[in-house]
Structures are given as C-alpha cells and as structure tokens.
C-alpha cells in the first residue's frame, strides 16, 4: 500500500551504515516532545488533555532542555544519545502549539545553532514537527515561521474527515465549529507544495460519520489517511456494529471507484497484515510510552511521554515525571526506578492471557501512558477498544477478499474472528457471507 516514507525509513535508506550494531538495540529516530503551552483555542470533546491551563514554556527552559540533549549531561546520554538514535525529531505540541509560534522559531534556531557550534552528529539528521488545529495558520508570523523551517519541518493540520465528523467534536469553547478554518489551512499548505499528514480521530460521538469522513478526504485529494479509534472509556457494543457498517460502506466505495490500494492509496483502517494471532515471541510494545520517547512540559518537567503529564492525566494519577531541565534525567532513586520499570514493560507483561493469546491480536493497539492513567501502573492494559478492533477485523475481511477478487489478486485474508465474538457485532447472515468470500 502507498505510504509516505517516514523519517526513520528515509534515514535507513540514505544511511545504511546506521544499522551497524552498537551493543544495544538501535532506535533510528528518537522523538523529543516540547509542550510549548498547555493552552488551546479549541475545546475538542475527545481531547485527552482534560486539565489544560494557560502555561507557556519560557525560552530559558527550552534552552536548558536543548543543552541537556546535545551535551548528554546529567544523565541524558544514558537515556538518549546519537550513537543509539542517529536521528532526532523535535515535536512541538500544546494545547495548540502555534499559539507560541515565536517560541518555536527561537527553539529551532537555537537548536541548529548549537548543533553547528558543537559539530553535533544530529545536525544533518534533525527534523521538526508541528501538528496544529489550523486556527492560527494564516497569521503572518505563523506563515513566516512555517516557510522559514519548511525544509526541516513536518507540518499537519488535524482534519477529522468531513464537516459533520470534524464539527461534532472539534469545537471552540463556546461550541461553534472549526472545520472551515482547519480545511482552509490544510488546503493552503498543500497548494503551496507541502505534504499534509492526516489524523482522523474516531470517538463514540462521531463513529457514525466514518464513511462520510474518509470519502470526503479522498475527494479532497488525500491519498494517505490515518484514522484511529480513541482508547478511552465510552465505547459500547452498538458502536462496534455501527463501525462495521461504516467500514463495509467505505469498502464498497473504494471498490466502486477502483482505488488502487496497492500503489496509490493508504487508508489505515484497512491493513492487510493485521487481524491474526501474534507470535508468542513478539513482545514489542505498541507505543513508545515505555521509555522510548521523551517529553518536557512548560515548567521544564521531563516525562517519558506527553500523556504522563498533569494536563493529560485528568487528576486520576500523579504525574509520572523522570527528571527536569535543571537537575537532569534519572537523578534520584524514584526517577531511576520509574525508567527501569518502563524499560521492562512489553506486550506480555502488559497483557492478560486473553489479550496475549487473542486470535486477532495483530494490529490491536494500546497506550502505555493511558494504562497508567487507568490502573496506576503502566504495566497493564486498558481494553475499551476491544470490540472496535473486532469490528475492524470483520470490516477488513470484507474489504480485502472483495478487493483481491475484483483485481484478480491471488491472495486471501483468513477470518480469525471467533463466531461468538462476531455475532455480538453482526448478524448470522452477515457472518455466513464473510466466510463465503
């Protein structure tokens, strides 16, 4: 399936020598997230940052974090270093990051300037990333900064598909919608030649708009569409039935319009290699929230991931910090213990036997930090999206087997979904139809 080359993939292609062993497993690119503000101009209904405020990062705090990264001092080189992670992605988030676009510009300039002065190995292998809601996009200062860093920047505007789906959740504090602003920003960036990523968030309040949302994005010219269901509690069995129906309708659209899913399009809701048992020795964690990523909040507190921050935890747990920009990382026994525990977490430790041995485990995702929010430990697994994953599996069986047949491709997607599970989502007649494909 067509998919834009990811930064780690580009590094792998351009610098094959980066794969040389260094004694420990390599992570070609490491992401460092700067929460430049926890303020936002929207009040999205599904946002996991439920405790946003008005904090903003000072340039002095940002400089201290960059200095720690580049010098490796105060424990930083033991967590991240350019030998183990030759590529660096500096990701700017909020709240809404473009509220602090001037600060972002100063951080980027300082980072590159220091890398030049130090002749740092990350100099030619550093990218910046911004994901915005698009509200501030057309402001002159924003345009100036986006163009200034264009060659080192991955920029995207969150558009949740069509107007109905987007505006059902992505609203201003007074309730008025944001779709028109978001889509205008996305179109302008693409018209200027910029690549526009996509991130469609599916939640209980908007799952019934999935078909309209994805087809709308196809008609807008998107050929790579990433969409996912939220991990949070709130899903009910009826949502799985609705989701299956939406996926089936979307499958029929793709088939009727002869979209080439092998060469021209990537729609993450349809994945050929998912929805089957996983190998028992495949213990990889789904996300990097087990000690692979790093994030710093406006106060300079360092976390393994932004979802361990106070603004994300909804007051359910204590923020899971592992350092700060003044004292460094893992400089006390508590922080050392947290990092050691995170690095021991894998799919087996997080999963119950039912999850670990699930017949459609391949492709089922989870968030380690959200597990901490729910259970008070990251070494657990929230399964609120279980039925949505099963519905997606059934939708993929329908799509791919019809797609293979239509295009004369000698492939077949096996149905590993137990009948008992399926009949909680679809009818017996629908189940029989899927098995006849």
Protein backbone atom coordinates (compact mmCIF):
# COMPACT_ATOMS: atom_id res chain seq x y z
CA UNK A 1 0.00 0.00 0.00
CA UNK A 2 1.18 3.51 -0.77
CA UNK A 3 2.53 5.33 2.25
CA UNK A 4 4.72 8.39 2.61
CA UNK A 5 8.25 7.47 3.63
CA UNK A 6 8.67 8.03 7.35
CA UNK A 7 11.71 9.90 8.63
CA UNK A 8 13.26 6.77 10.15
CA UNK A 9 12.75 4.97 6.83
CA UNK A 10 14.45 7.81 4.96
CA UNK A 11 17.44 7.69 7.31
CA UNK A 12 17.63 3.94 6.88
CA UNK A 13 17.66 4.33 3.08
CA UNK A 14 20.14 7.22 2.96
CA UNK A 15 22.48 5.99 5.71
CA UNK A 16 22.61 2.17 5.66
CA UNK A 17 25.64 2.30 7.94
CA UNK A 18 23.35 3.46 10.76
CA UNK A 19 22.24 -0.15 11.15
CA UNK A 20 25.67 -1.21 12.42
CA UNK A 21 25.26 -2.81 15.88
CA UNK A 22 26.31 -0.81 18.91
CA UNK A 23 25.71 -3.36 21.63
CA UNK A 24 22.12 -2.34 22.27
CA UNK A 25 19.08 -2.22 20.07
CA UNK A 26 19.02 0.86 17.88
CA UNK A 27 16.13 3.27 17.58
CA UNK A 28 16.91 5.13 14.36
CA UNK A 29 14.92 8.21 15.32
CA UNK A 30 14.05 9.43 18.78
CA UNK A 31 11.21 11.88 19.33
CA UNK A 32 11.53 14.66 21.89
CA UNK A 33 8.27 16.49 22.55
CA UNK A 34 8.20 20.11 23.69
CA UNK A 35 4.86 21.14 25.17
CA UNK A 36 5.35 24.82 24.46
CA UNK A 37 1.96 25.61 26.03
CA UNK A 38 -0.91 23.75 27.62
CA UNK A 39 -3.31 26.44 26.41
CA UNK A 40 -5.60 25.83 23.43
CA UNK A 41 -8.08 27.85 21.39
CA UNK A 42 -10.35 24.83 20.88
CA UNK A 43 -12.20 22.59 23.35
CA UNK A 44 -12.32 19.26 21.49
CA UNK A 45 -14.71 16.84 23.15
CA UNK A 46 -12.43 13.80 22.85
CA UNK A 47 -9.20 15.54 23.88
CA UNK A 48 -7.22 13.54 26.45
CA UNK A 49 -5.68 16.77 27.78
CA UNK A 50 -8.55 17.48 30.13
CA UNK A 51 -6.53 19.63 32.55
CA UNK A 52 -5.24 22.27 30.16
CA UNK A 53 -4.35 25.66 31.59
CA UNK A 54 -2.57 28.81 30.45
CA UNK A 55 1.05 27.78 30.97
CA UNK A 56 3.67 28.54 28.37
CA UNK A 57 7.28 27.46 28.22
CA UNK A 58 9.98 30.08 28.67
CA UNK A 59 12.85 30.25 26.20
CA UNK A 60 15.26 29.70 29.11
CA UNK A 61 13.52 26.40 29.94
CA UNK A 62 13.66 25.33 26.30
CA UNK A 63 17.38 26.19 26.07
CA UNK A 64 18.13 24.08 29.13
CA UNK A 65 16.36 21.09 27.56
CA UNK A 66 18.22 21.51 24.27
CA UNK A 67 21.53 21.82 26.13
CA UNK A 68 20.81 18.59 28.04
CA UNK A 69 20.04 16.78 24.79
CA UNK A 70 23.13 17.99 22.96
CA UNK A 71 25.66 17.61 25.79
CA UNK A 72 24.19 14.42 27.24
CA UNK A 73 24.91 15.76 30.71
CA UNK A 74 23.03 15.00 33.94
CA UNK A 75 22.03 11.51 32.88
CA UNK A 76 20.65 12.42 29.44
CA UNK A 77 23.17 10.41 27.39
CA UNK A 78 22.11 7.24 29.22
CA UNK A 79 18.53 7.80 28.05
CA UNK A 80 19.15 9.15 24.55
CA UNK A 81 22.32 9.63 22.54
CA UNK A 82 23.18 9.99 18.83
CA UNK A 83 25.03 6.66 18.68
CA UNK A 84 21.96 4.64 19.62
CA UNK A 85 19.49 7.06 17.98
CA UNK A 86 21.20 8.72 14.98
CA UNK A 87 18.09 10.69 14.02
CA UNK A 88 16.22 13.25 16.13
CA UNK A 89 12.67 14.56 15.80
CA UNK A 90 11.77 17.61 17.88
CA UNK A 91 7.99 17.68 18.12
CA UNK A 92 6.08 20.78 19.22
CA UNK A 93 2.68 20.30 20.83
CA UNK A 94 0.23 22.13 23.07
CA UNK A 95 -2.56 22.68 23.75
CA UNK A 96 -2.23 24.38 20.40
CA UNK A 97 1.48 24.83 19.57
CA UNK A 98 1.03 27.69 17.09
CA UNK A 99 -0.12 29.90 19.97
CA UNK A 100 3.61 30.02 20.76
CA UNK A 101 4.98 30.10 17.22
CA UNK A 102 7.58 32.74 18.14
CA UNK A 103 8.97 30.46 20.83
CA UNK A 104 9.02 27.54 18.40
CA UNK A 105 11.08 29.63 15.98
CA UNK A 106 13.58 30.54 18.71
CA UNK A 107 13.90 26.90 19.81
CA UNK A 108 14.55 25.74 16.25
CA UNK A 109 17.16 28.47 15.69
CA UNK A 110 18.90 27.74 18.98
CA UNK A 111 18.93 24.00 18.32
CA UNK A 112 20.52 24.29 14.88
CA UNK A 113 22.91 26.99 16.05
CA UNK A 114 24.17 24.86 18.93
CA UNK A 115 24.47 21.80 16.71
CA UNK A 116 26.63 23.80 14.28
CA UNK A 117 28.81 25.12 17.09
CA UNK A 118 29.27 21.62 18.54
CA UNK A 119 29.57 19.93 15.13
CA UNK A 120 26.95 17.61 16.56
CA UNK A 121 26.12 14.27 14.89
CA UNK A 122 22.41 15.17 14.93
CA UNK A 123 22.93 18.34 12.84
CA UNK A 124 22.06 16.80 9.46
CA UNK A 125 19.62 14.29 10.92
CA UNK A 126 17.22 16.50 12.87
CA UNK A 127 13.64 17.28 11.88
CA UNK A 128 10.99 19.46 13.49
CA UNK A 129 7.32 18.52 13.69
CA UNK A 130 4.16 20.52 14.39
CA UNK A 131 0.58 19.25 14.47
CA UNK A 132 -1.91 22.13 14.61
CA UNK A 133 -5.66 22.64 14.71
CA UNK A 134 -5.26 25.26 11.97
CA UNK A 135 -6.97 28.15 13.77
CA UNK A 136 -3.86 30.38 13.78
CA UNK A 137 -2.47 29.15 10.46
CA UNK A 138 -3.00 32.29 8.37
CA UNK A 139 -1.50 34.68 10.90
CA UNK A 140 1.53 36.42 9.30
CA UNK A 141 4.01 35.30 11.98
CA UNK A 142 2.85 31.68 11.63
CA UNK A 143 3.26 31.80 7.85
CA UNK A 144 6.74 33.29 8.22
CA UNK A 145 7.93 30.57 10.61
CA UNK A 146 6.41 27.70 8.61
CA UNK A 147 8.15 28.87 5.46
CA UNK A 148 11.43 29.52 7.28
CA UNK A 149 11.68 25.94 8.53
CA UNK A 150 9.89 24.23 5.65
CA UNK A 151 12.87 22.07 4.63
CA UNK A 152 13.19 20.63 8.13
CA UNK A 153 9.52 20.61 9.05
CA UNK A 154 6.77 18.03 9.13
CA UNK A 155 3.57 20.04 9.46
CA UNK A 156 -0.02 18.87 9.64
CA UNK A 157 -3.46 20.23 10.42
CA UNK A 158 -5.87 17.90 12.18
CA UNK A 159 -8.92 17.41 9.96
CA UNK A 160 -11.38 14.82 11.20
CA UNK A 161 -12.69 13.93 7.77
CA UNK A 162 -15.83 15.75 6.69
CA UNK A 163 -17.52 18.74 8.26
CA UNK A 164 -20.08 16.68 10.23
CA UNK A 165 -17.50 14.41 11.88
CA UNK A 166 -15.00 17.22 12.49
CA UNK A 167 -17.52 19.66 13.94
CA UNK A 168 -19.15 17.04 16.15
CA UNK A 169 -16.07 17.12 18.40
CA UNK A 170 -13.57 19.79 17.33
CA UNK A 171 -15.23 22.97 18.58
CA UNK A 172 -14.35 26.28 20.22
CA UNK A 173 -15.06 26.76 23.94
CA UNK A 174 -18.34 28.48 23.07
CA UNK A 175 -19.36 25.48 20.96
CA UNK A 176 -19.00 26.90 17.47
CA UNK A 177 -17.27 24.67 14.88
CA UNK A 178 -13.73 24.75 13.49
CA UNK A 179 -13.89 22.70 10.26
CA UNK A 180 -13.84 25.65 7.85
CA UNK A 181 -10.67 27.05 9.43
CA UNK A 182 -8.95 23.67 9.54
CA UNK A 183 -9.71 22.71 5.95
CA UNK A 184 -8.69 26.14 4.64
CA UNK A 185 -5.32 25.78 6.38
CA UNK A 186 -4.81 22.23 5.11
CA UNK A 187 -5.67 23.19 1.50
CA UNK A 188 -3.36 26.21 1.59
CA UNK A 189 -0.41 24.16 2.86
CA UNK A 190 -0.97 21.52 0.17
CA UNK A 191 -1.41 24.17 -2.54
CA UNK A 192 1.99 25.55 -1.57
CA UNK A 193 3.51 22.12 -2.19
CA UNK A 194 3.67 20.98 1.41
CA UNK A 195 2.87 17.41 2.38
CA UNK A 196 -0.23 17.31 4.57
CA UNK A 197 -0.47 14.45 7.01
CA UNK A 198 -3.82 13.29 8.30
CA UNK A 199 -5.10 12.15 11.65
CA UNK A 200 -8.80 11.30 11.86
CA UNK A 201 -9.88 10.57 15.42
CA UNK A 202 -12.90 8.30 15.76
CA UNK A 203 -14.86 8.54 19.01
CA UNK A 204 -18.29 7.38 20.21
CA UNK A 205 -19.74 10.79 19.32
CA UNK A 206 -18.67 10.66 15.68
CA UNK A 207 -18.22 6.99 14.68
CA UNK A 208 -21.41 7.16 12.57
CA UNK A 209 -19.68 9.67 10.27
CA UNK A 210 -16.65 7.46 9.46
CA UNK A 211 -17.67 6.70 5.87
CA UNK A 212 -18.51 10.30 5.04
CA UNK A 213 -15.30 11.50 6.67
CA UNK A 214 -12.89 9.20 4.83
CA UNK A 215 -14.57 9.55 1.42
CA UNK A 216 -14.57 13.32 1.87
CA UNK A 217 -10.82 13.29 2.47
CA UNK A 218 -10.27 11.12 -0.61
CA UNK A 219 -12.26 13.62 -2.67
CA UNK A 220 -10.19 16.47 -1.21
CA UNK A 221 -7.07 14.82 -2.63
CA UNK A 222 -5.66 12.98 0.38
CA UNK A 223 -4.11 9.66 -0.63
CA UNK A 224 -2.74 8.78 2.80
CA UNK A 225 -5.39 8.78 5.52
CA UNK A 226 -4.57 7.80 9.09
CA UNK A 227 -7.57 7.15 11.31
CA UNK A 228 -7.95 5.51 14.69
CA UNK A 229 -10.43 4.91 17.48
CA UNK A 230 -9.77 6.59 20.82
CA UNK A 231 -8.54 4.35 23.65
CA UNK A 232 -10.66 5.96 26.32
CA UNK A 233 -13.69 4.51 28.03
CA UNK A 234 -17.08 5.14 26.42
CA UNK A 235 -17.35 2.55 23.67
CA UNK A 236 -20.50 0.39 23.71
CA UNK A 237 -21.34 -2.77 21.72
CA UNK A 238 -23.61 -0.79 19.40
CA UNK A 239 -20.65 1.36 18.34
CA UNK A 240 -18.90 -1.76 17.01
CA UNK A 241 -21.92 -2.59 14.86
CA UNK A 242 -22.04 0.97 13.53
CA UNK A 243 -18.27 0.90 12.87
CA UNK A 244 -18.53 -2.36 10.90
CA UNK A 245 -21.36 -0.95 8.79
CA UNK A 246 -19.32 2.19 8.11
CA UNK A 247 -16.24 0.16 7.13
CA UNK A 248 -18.30 -2.04 4.81
CA UNK A 249 -19.78 1.03 3.15
CA UNK A 250 -16.30 2.53 2.80
CA UNK A 251 -15.03 -0.73 1.29
CA UNK A 252 -17.79 -0.64 -1.33
CA UNK A 253 -16.83 2.97 -2.17
CA UNK A 254 -13.19 2.01 -2.73
CA UNK A 255 -14.19 -0.96 -4.87
CA UNK A 256 -16.70 1.00 -6.94
CA UNK A 257 -14.24 3.83 -7.58
CA UNK A 258 -11.40 1.41 -8.44
CA UNK A 259 -8.97 2.98 -5.96
CA UNK A 260 -5.61 1.23 -6.19
CA UNK A 261 -4.76 0.30 -2.61
CA UNK A 262 -1.50 -1.34 -3.65
CA UNK A 263 0.05 1.72 -5.31
CA UNK A 264 -1.95 4.92 -4.91
CA UNK A 265 -3.73 4.94 -1.55
CA UNK A 266 -3.10 4.17 2.09
CA UNK A 267 -6.09 4.13 4.45
CA UNK A 268 -5.02 2.91 7.88
CA UNK A 269 -8.44 1.46 8.70
CA UNK A 270 -7.64 -1.26 6.15
CA UNK A 271 -4.44 -3.19 6.92
CA UNK A 272 -3.60 -6.43 5.12
CA UNK A 273 -1.24 -7.84 7.73
CA UNK A 274 -3.39 -7.35 10.81
CA UNK A 275 -6.22 -9.29 12.47
CA UNK A 276 -4.50 -12.61 13.10
CA UNK A 277 -2.70 -14.20 16.07
CA UNK A 278 0.67 -12.77 17.06
CA UNK A 279 3.74 -14.91 17.50
CA UNK A 280 4.41 -15.68 21.17
CA UNK A 281 7.92 -14.27 20.89
CA UNK A 282 6.59 -10.96 19.51
CA UNK A 283 6.72 -8.95 22.73
CA UNK A 284 7.11 -5.46 21.26
CA UNK A 285 5.18 -2.72 22.98
CA UNK A 286 2.74 -0.91 20.69
CA UNK A 287 3.80 2.64 21.58
CA UNK A 288 6.94 4.36 22.80
CA UNK A 289 5.49 5.22 26.19
CA UNK A 290 7.61 2.56 27.88
CA UNK A 291 10.82 4.58 27.89
CA UNK A 292 11.46 5.14 24.17
CA UNK A 293 10.17 8.71 23.85
CA UNK A 294 10.76 11.85 25.91
CA UNK A 295 8.67 14.95 26.62
CA UNK A 296 9.11 18.20 28.52
CA UNK A 297 6.24 20.37 29.82
CA UNK A 298 6.11 24.20 30.07
CA UNK A 299 7.63 24.10 33.57
CA UNK A 300 10.63 22.06 32.40
CA UNK A 301 9.50 18.78 33.96
CA UNK A 302 10.60 15.77 31.89
CA UNK A 303 8.35 12.77 31.21
CA UNK A 304 8.60 9.53 29.20
CA UNK A 305 5.69 10.78 27.04
CA UNK A 306 3.34 13.77 26.97
CA UNK A 307 0.45 11.60 28.21
CA UNK A 308 2.20 11.19 31.56
CA UNK A 309 1.88 14.96 32.13
CA UNK A 310 -0.52 16.57 34.57
CA UNK A 311 -2.51 18.09 31.69
CA UNK A 312 -3.24 14.59 30.32
CA UNK A 313 -3.91 12.53 33.44
CA UNK A 314 -7.22 14.22 34.38
CA UNK A 315 -6.23 14.18 38.04
CA UNK A 316 -6.55 10.38 38.12
CA UNK A 317 -2.86 9.73 38.86
CA UNK A 318 0.25 11.55 39.98
CA UNK A 319 2.25 12.93 37.02
CA UNK A 320 4.89 10.34 36.06
CA UNK A 321 7.99 12.53 35.79
CA UNK A 322 11.53 11.25 35.33
CA UNK A 323 13.50 14.47 35.69
CA UNK A 324 13.62 18.19 34.96
CA UNK A 325 15.75 20.58 32.92
CA UNK A 326 17.70 21.81 35.95
CA UNK A 327 18.69 18.57 37.68
CA UNK A 328 18.64 16.30 34.64
CA UNK A 329 17.10 12.90 33.99
CA UNK A 330 17.05 9.92 36.38
CA UNK A 331 18.97 11.82 39.04
CA UNK A 332 17.01 10.44 42.00
CA UNK A 333 16.05 6.91 43.01
CA UNK A 334 12.36 7.47 42.20
CA UNK A 335 13.08 8.56 38.64
CA UNK A 336 15.63 5.78 38.12
CA UNK A 337 13.12 3.22 39.32
CA UNK A 338 10.42 4.57 37.01
CA UNK A 339 12.64 4.35 33.94
CA UNK A 340 13.91 0.89 34.86
CA UNK A 341 10.32 -0.30 35.27
CA UNK A 342 9.25 1.23 31.95
CA UNK A 343 12.06 -0.46 30.05
CA UNK A 344 10.98 -3.86 31.39
CA UNK A 345 7.42 -3.48 30.11
CA UNK A 346 6.47 -5.40 26.99
CA UNK A 347 3.37 -6.92 25.41
CA UNK A 348 3.48 -9.97 27.68
CA UNK A 349 3.78 -8.06 30.94
CA UNK A 350 1.00 -5.64 29.98
CA UNK A 351 -1.46 -8.21 28.64
CA UNK A 352 -3.80 -10.64 30.32
CA UNK A 353 -3.72 -14.18 28.92
CA UNK A 354 -6.88 -13.39 26.97
CA UNK A 355 -5.26 -10.39 25.27
CA UNK A 356 -1.89 -12.06 24.75
CA UNK A 357 -3.45 -15.11 23.09
CA UNK A 358 -6.18 -13.22 21.22
CA UNK A 359 -6.80 -14.72 17.74
CA UNK A 360 -6.86 -11.20 16.23
CA UNK A 361 -4.10 -9.68 18.38
CA UNK A 362 -2.08 -8.45 15.40
CA UNK A 363 -2.78 -4.75 14.97
CA UNK A 364 -4.57 -4.25 18.29
CA UNK A 365 -3.12 -1.09 19.81
CA UNK A 366 -2.84 0.46 23.25
CA UNK A 367 -1.31 3.43 25.03
CA UNK A 368 1.06 2.65 27.89
CA UNK A 369 0.60 6.06 29.49
CA UNK A 370 -3.19 5.74 29.34
CA UNK A 371 -2.81 2.38 31.06
CA UNK A 372 -1.04 4.23 33.87
CA UNK A 373 -3.89 6.76 33.98
CA UNK A 374 -6.49 3.99 34.35
CA UNK A 375 -4.68 1.49 36.55
CA UNK A 376 -2.00 3.46 38.38
CA UNK A 377 0.70 1.41 36.65
CA UNK A 378 1.89 1.47 33.03
CA UNK A 379 2.31 -2.31 33.25
CA UNK A 380 -1.34 -3.08 32.49
CA UNK A 381 -3.65 -2.78 29.51
CA UNK A 382 -6.92 -0.91 29.04
CA UNK A 383 -9.15 -2.76 26.59
CA UNK A 384 -12.02 -0.35 25.96
CA UNK A 385 -11.41 -0.53 22.19
CA UNK A 386 -11.61 -4.33 22.09
CA UNK A 387 -14.96 -4.52 20.29
CA UNK A 388 -13.91 -1.78 17.87
CA UNK A 389 -10.85 -3.81 16.91
CA UNK A 390 -13.03 -6.89 16.33
CA UNK A 391 -15.38 -4.82 14.15
CA UNK A 392 -12.41 -3.50 12.20
CA UNK A 393 -11.19 -7.07 11.69
CA UNK A 394 -14.54 -8.07 10.22
CA UNK A 395 -14.57 -4.99 8.00
CA UNK A 396 -11.11 -5.84 6.69
CA UNK A 397 -12.14 -9.40 5.86
CA UNK A 398 -14.99 -7.99 3.79
CA UNK A 399 -12.84 -5.40 2.08
CA UNK A 400 -9.68 -7.32 1.24
CA UNK A 401 -11.29 -10.50 0.00
CA UNK A 402 -13.57 -8.49 -2.28
CA UNK A 403 -10.61 -6.34 -3.35
CA UNK A 404 -8.48 -9.38 -4.22
CA UNK A 405 -11.33 -10.93 -6.18
CA UNK A 406 -12.10 -7.73 -8.11
CA UNK A 407 -8.45 -7.21 -9.11
CA UNK A 408 -7.61 -10.86 -9.77
CA UNK A 409 -5.02 -10.98 -6.98
CA UNK A 410 -4.10 -14.43 -5.73
CA UNK A 411 -4.46 -13.66 -2.03
CA UNK A 412 -6.96 -14.37 0.71
CA UNK A 413 -7.44 -12.84 4.14
CA UNK A 414 -8.26 -15.50 6.68
CA UNK A 415 -11.02 -14.89 9.20
CA UNK A 416 -9.62 -15.43 12.69
CA UNK A 417 -12.51 -13.75 14.50
CA UNK A 418 -14.39 -16.35 16.61
CA UNK A 419 -18.03 -16.71 15.56
CA UNK A 420 -19.23 -15.93 19.08
CA UNK A 421 -17.42 -12.58 19.01
CA UNK A 422 -18.65 -11.75 15.53
CA UNK A 423 -22.30 -12.40 16.36
CA UNK A 424 -22.13 -9.71 19.04
CA UNK A 425 -21.44 -7.27 16.19
CA UNK A 426 -23.05 -8.62 13.01
CA UNK A 427 -25.91 -10.97 12.08
CA UNK A 428 -25.61 -14.67 11.32
CA UNK A 429 -26.34 -13.94 7.65
CA UNK A 430 -23.52 -11.38 7.55
CA UNK A 431 -21.16 -13.85 9.22
CA UNK A 432 -22.03 -16.50 6.67
CA UNK A 433 -21.41 -14.01 3.85
CA UNK A 434 -17.96 -13.11 5.21
CA UNK A 435 -16.98 -16.77 5.42
CA UNK A 436 -18.11 -17.36 1.84
CA UNK A 437 -15.71 -14.79 0.43
